[in-house]
Amino acid sequence: MSDEPYLFDYSQEYSPAAPFIDIVIDGYHPDLGRVRVPAFVDSGGDGTLIPLNLLEEIGAEYQDEVFLSGTAGGRRRYSRYTVAISIAGQPAHAIAAVAISGHEVILGRDVLNHFEIRLNGPAAVTEIVIP
């Protein structure tokens, strides 16, 4: 493979513009497909959050429950599901994704740390190098 980066434009739907990348989520279900979706790059987030409806669509397997605290405070129980997440064709396996009720996928460091990623704010692109 080449060391040329894959480039993903920032989303201009946010102010300031926000880093999003295209990913493929696989729930490891033999009869259901994978989904390709845009995902918000959250380098400050520990874990990855995926809407429950997407996890159900790909037949992701329930793993366990965890308590999470947000920046606004408070603790809440969430379900986690096991998935693989691929960026530019390279998978990160056995990710314990937290099911959320929202509509956006949020990638945390549990996935991001598998890749070389550069947030190029002045150019409004996210660069990912696959060695």
C-alpha atoms as a PDB file:
ATOM      1  CA  MET A   1       0.000   0.000   0.000  1.00  0.00           C
ATOM      2  CA  SER A   2       0.995   3.596  -0.474  1.00  0.00           C
ATOM      3  CA  ASP A   3       1.845   6.057   2.260  1.00  0.00           C
ATOM      4  CA  GLU A   4      -0.281   8.649   0.467  1.00  0.00           C
ATOM      5  CA  PRO A   5      -2.998   9.820   2.862  1.00  0.00           C
ATOM      6  CA  TYR A   6      -6.692   9.251   2.340  1.00  0.00           C
ATOM      7  CA  LEU A   7      -8.398  12.642   2.529  1.00  0.00           C
ATOM      8  CA  PHE A   8     -11.827  13.331   4.007  1.00  0.00           C
ATOM      9  CA  ASP A   9     -13.349  16.816   3.857  1.00  0.00           C
ATOM     10  CA  TYR A  10     -14.549  18.408   7.074  1.00  0.00           C
ATOM     11  CA  SER A  11     -18.311  18.786   7.391  1.00  0.00           C
ATOM     12  CA  GLN A  12     -19.343  22.386   6.782  1.00  0.00           C
ATOM     13  CA  GLU A  13     -22.682  21.717   8.501  1.00  0.00           C
ATOM     14  CA  TYR A  14     -20.952  22.585  11.790  1.00  0.00           C
ATOM     15  CA  SER A  15     -19.495  25.864  12.957  1.00  0.00           C
ATOM     16  CA  PRO A  16     -16.594  25.629  13.139  1.00  0.00           C
ATOM     17  CA  ALA A  17     -16.269  22.936  10.459  1.00  0.00           C
ATOM     18  CA  ALA A  18     -15.865  19.438  11.961  1.00  0.00           C
ATOM     19  CA  PRO A  19     -13.770  16.390  11.018  1.00  0.00           C
ATOM     20  CA  PHE A  20     -15.813  13.518   9.568  1.00  0.00           C
ATOM     21  CA  ILE A  21     -14.560  10.398   7.799  1.00  0.00           C
ATOM     22  CA  ASP A  22     -16.313   7.626   5.888  1.00  0.00           C
ATOM     23  CA  ILE A  23     -16.284   4.281   7.684  1.00  0.00           C
ATOM     24  CA  VAL A  24     -17.734   0.801   7.255  1.00  0.00           C
ATOM     25  CA  ILE A  25     -19.324  -0.869  10.291  1.00  0.00           C
ATOM     26  CA  ASP A  26     -19.573  -4.675  10.376  1.00  0.00           C
ATOM     27  CA  GLY A  27     -21.636  -6.447  13.034  1.00  0.00           C
ATOM     28  CA  TYR A  28     -20.118  -9.868  12.194  1.00  0.00           C
ATOM     29  CA  HIS A  29     -23.593 -11.225  11.359  1.00  0.00           C
ATOM     30  CA  PRO A  30     -23.369 -13.819   8.547  1.00  0.00           C
ATOM     31  CA  ASP A  31     -26.700 -12.868   6.946  1.00  0.00           C
ATOM     32  CA  LEU A  32     -26.670  -9.099   7.292  1.00  0.00           C
ATOM     33  CA  GLY A  33     -24.558  -6.583   5.453  1.00  0.00           C
ATOM     34  CA  ARG A  34     -22.268  -3.862   6.573  1.00  0.00           C
ATOM     35  CA  VAL A  35     -23.093  -0.164   6.505  1.00  0.00           C
ATOM     36  CA  ARG A  36     -21.021   2.716   5.146  1.00  0.00           C
ATOM     37  CA  VAL A  37     -21.613   5.928   7.096  1.00  0.00           C
ATOM     38  CA  PRO A  38     -19.920   9.226   7.881  1.00  0.00           C
ATOM     39  CA  ALA A  39     -18.452   9.392  11.387  1.00  0.00           C
ATOM     40  CA  PHE A  40     -17.461  12.347  13.546  1.00  0.00           C
ATOM     41  CA  VAL A  41     -13.803  12.179  14.617  1.00  0.00           C
ATOM     42  CA  ASP A  42     -13.704  12.748  18.401  1.00  0.00           C
ATOM     43  CA  SER A  43     -10.072  12.475  19.471  1.00  0.00           C
ATOM     44  CA  GLY A  44     -11.106  13.520  22.984  1.00  0.00           C
ATOM     45  CA  GLY A  45     -13.601  10.671  23.371  1.00  0.00           C
ATOM     46  CA  ASP A  46     -12.530   7.401  24.958  1.00  0.00           C
ATOM     47  CA  GLY A  47     -14.972   5.205  23.076  1.00  0.00           C
ATOM     48  CA  THR A  48     -17.033   4.934  19.927  1.00  0.00           C
ATOM     49  CA  LEU A  49     -20.761   5.689  19.912  1.00  0.00           C
ATOM     50  CA  ILE A  50     -23.093   4.208  17.287  1.00  0.00           C
ATOM     51  CA  PRO A  51     -26.850   4.732  16.964  1.00  0.00           C
ATOM     52  CA  LEU A  52     -28.771   1.665  18.122  1.00  0.00           C
ATOM     53  CA  ASN A  53     -30.743   1.470  14.864  1.00  0.00           C
ATOM     54  CA  LEU A  54     -27.474   0.979  12.903  1.00  0.00           C
ATOM     55  CA  LEU A  55     -26.284  -1.705  15.329  1.00  0.00           C
ATOM     56  CA  GLU A  56     -29.602  -3.532  14.891  1.00  0.00           C
ATOM     57  CA  GLU A  57     -29.456  -3.161  11.089  1.00  0.00           C
ATOM     58  CA  ILE A  58     -26.102  -4.986  10.914  1.00  0.00           C
ATOM     59  CA  GLY A  59     -26.985  -7.570  13.569  1.00  0.00           C
ATOM     60  CA  ALA A  60     -24.253  -6.518  15.989  1.00  0.00           C
ATOM     61  CA  GLU A  61     -24.019  -8.763  19.039  1.00  0.00           C
ATOM     62  CA  TYR A  62     -24.792  -7.355  22.490  1.00  0.00           C
ATOM     63  CA  GLN A  63     -21.674  -7.428  24.668  1.00  0.00           C
ATOM     64  CA  ASP A  64     -22.429  -5.841  28.037  1.00  0.00           C
ATOM     65  CA  GLU A  65     -23.477  -2.672  29.833  1.00  0.00           C
ATOM     66  CA  VAL A  66     -21.302   0.162  31.084  1.00  0.00           C
ATOM     67  CA  PHE A  67     -21.805   3.379  32.997  1.00  0.00           C
ATOM     68  CA  LEU A  68     -20.627   6.538  31.250  1.00  0.00           C
ATOM     69  CA  SER A  69     -20.265  10.097  32.459  1.00  0.00           C
ATOM     70  CA  GLY A  70     -20.460  13.052  30.106  1.00  0.00           C
ATOM     71  CA  THR A  71     -18.913  16.493  30.288  1.00  0.00           C
ATOM     72  CA  ALA A  72     -22.194  17.859  31.662  1.00  0.00           C
ATOM     73  CA  GLY A  73     -21.990  15.425  34.578  1.00  0.00           C
ATOM     74  CA  GLY A  74     -24.211  12.570  35.619  1.00  0.00           C
ATOM     75  CA  ARG A  75     -23.812   8.848  35.063  1.00  0.00           C
ATOM     76  CA  ARG A  76     -25.919   6.711  32.796  1.00  0.00           C
ATOM     77  CA  ARG A  77     -26.008   3.042  31.829  1.00  0.00           C
ATOM     78  CA  TYR A  78     -25.437   2.155  28.153  1.00  0.00           C
ATOM     79  CA  SER A  79     -25.378  -1.091  26.193  1.00  0.00           C
ATOM     80  CA  ARG A  80     -22.279  -2.043  24.204  1.00  0.00           C
ATOM     81  CA  TYR A  81     -22.131  -4.109  21.020  1.00  0.00           C
ATOM     82  CA  THR A  82     -19.183  -5.770  19.286  1.00  0.00           C
ATOM     83  CA  VAL A  83     -18.352  -4.454  15.811  1.00  0.00           C
ATOM     84  CA  ALA A  84     -15.491  -4.060  13.353  1.00  0.00           C
ATOM     85  CA  ILE A  85     -14.901  -0.601  11.946  1.00  0.00           C
ATOM     86  CA  SER A  86     -12.968  -0.130   8.717  1.00  0.00           C
ATOM     87  CA  ILE A  87     -11.363   3.075   7.522  1.00  0.00           C
ATOM     88  CA  ALA A  88      -9.949   3.120   3.985  1.00  0.00           C
ATOM     89  CA  GLY A  89     -10.315  -0.667   3.874  1.00  0.00           C
ATOM     90  CA  GLN A  90      -8.319  -1.268   7.079  1.00  0.00           C
ATOM     91  CA  PRO A  91     -10.351  -2.812   9.926  1.00  0.00           C
ATOM     92  CA  ALA A  92     -10.188  -2.279  13.666  1.00  0.00           C
ATOM     93  CA  HIS A  93     -11.689  -5.480  15.101  1.00  0.00           C
ATOM     94  CA  ALA A  94     -13.608  -6.252  18.308  1.00  0.00           C
ATOM     95  CA  ILE A  95     -14.612  -2.678  19.060  1.00  0.00           C
ATOM     96  CA  ALA A  96     -17.043  -2.400  21.988  1.00  0.00           C
ATOM     97  CA  ALA A  97     -19.289   0.350  20.613  1.00  0.00           C
ATOM     98  CA  VAL A  98     -21.759   2.117  22.875  1.00  0.00           C
ATOM     99  CA  ALA A  99     -25.357   2.181  21.601  1.00  0.00           C
ATOM    100  CA  ILE A 100     -26.876   5.657  21.530  1.00  0.00           C
ATOM    101  CA  SER A 101     -30.243   7.059  20.515  1.00  0.00           C
ATOM    102  CA  GLY A 102     -28.807   9.762  18.265  1.00  0.00           C
ATOM    103  CA  HIS A 103     -28.208   9.663  14.529  1.00  0.00           C
ATOM    104  CA  GLU A 104     -24.440  10.268  14.201  1.00  0.00           C
ATOM    105  CA  VAL A 105     -21.584   7.839  14.639  1.00  0.00           C
ATOM    106  CA  ILE A 106     -18.876   9.270  16.893  1.00  0.00           C
ATOM    107  CA  LEU A 107     -15.413   7.689  16.645  1.00  0.00           C
ATOM    108  CA  GLY A 108     -13.397   7.676  19.850  1.00  0.00           C
ATOM    109  CA  ARG A 109      -9.795   6.763  20.567  1.00  0.00           C
ATOM    110  CA  ASP A 110     -10.664   3.053  20.817  1.00  0.00           C
ATOM    111  CA  VAL A 111     -10.836   3.159  16.996  1.00  0.00           C
ATOM    112  CA  LEU A 112      -8.717   6.208  16.167  1.00  0.00           C
ATOM    113  CA  ASN A 113      -5.628   4.808  17.906  1.00  0.00           C
ATOM    114  CA  HIS A 114      -5.496   2.030  15.274  1.00  0.00           C
ATOM    115  CA  PHE A 115      -4.671   4.605  12.581  1.00  0.00           C
ATOM    116  CA  GLU A 116      -2.330   7.461  11.763  1.00  0.00           C
ATOM    117  CA  ILE A 117      -4.666  10.449  11.596  1.00  0.00           C
ATOM    118  CA  ARG A 118      -3.961  14.125  11.035  1.00  0.00           C
ATOM    119  CA  LEU A 119      -6.583  16.818  11.505  1.00  0.00           C
ATOM    120  CA  ASN A 120      -5.601  19.516   9.011  1.00  0.00           C
ATOM    121  CA  GLY A 121      -7.823  22.370  10.132  1.00  0.00           C
ATOM    122  CA  PRO A 122      -6.519  25.062   7.744  1.00  0.00           C
ATOM    123  CA  ALA A 123      -7.225  22.776   4.761  1.00  0.00           C
ATOM    124  CA  ALA A 124     -10.461  21.470   6.381  1.00  0.00           C
ATOM    125  CA  VAL A 125      -9.500  17.839   5.723  1.00  0.00           C
ATOM    126  CA  THR A 126      -8.786  14.769   7.810  1.00  0.00           C
ATOM    127  CA  GLU A 127      -5.779  12.808   6.552  1.00  0.00           C
ATOM    128  CA  ILE A 128      -5.393   9.089   7.234  1.00  0.00           C
ATOM    129  CA  VAL A 129      -2.233   7.183   6.309  1.00  0.00           C
ATOM    130  CA  ILE A 130      -2.496   3.423   5.814  1.00  0.00           C
ATOM    131  CA  PRO A 131       1.063   2.003   5.792  1.00  0.00           C
END
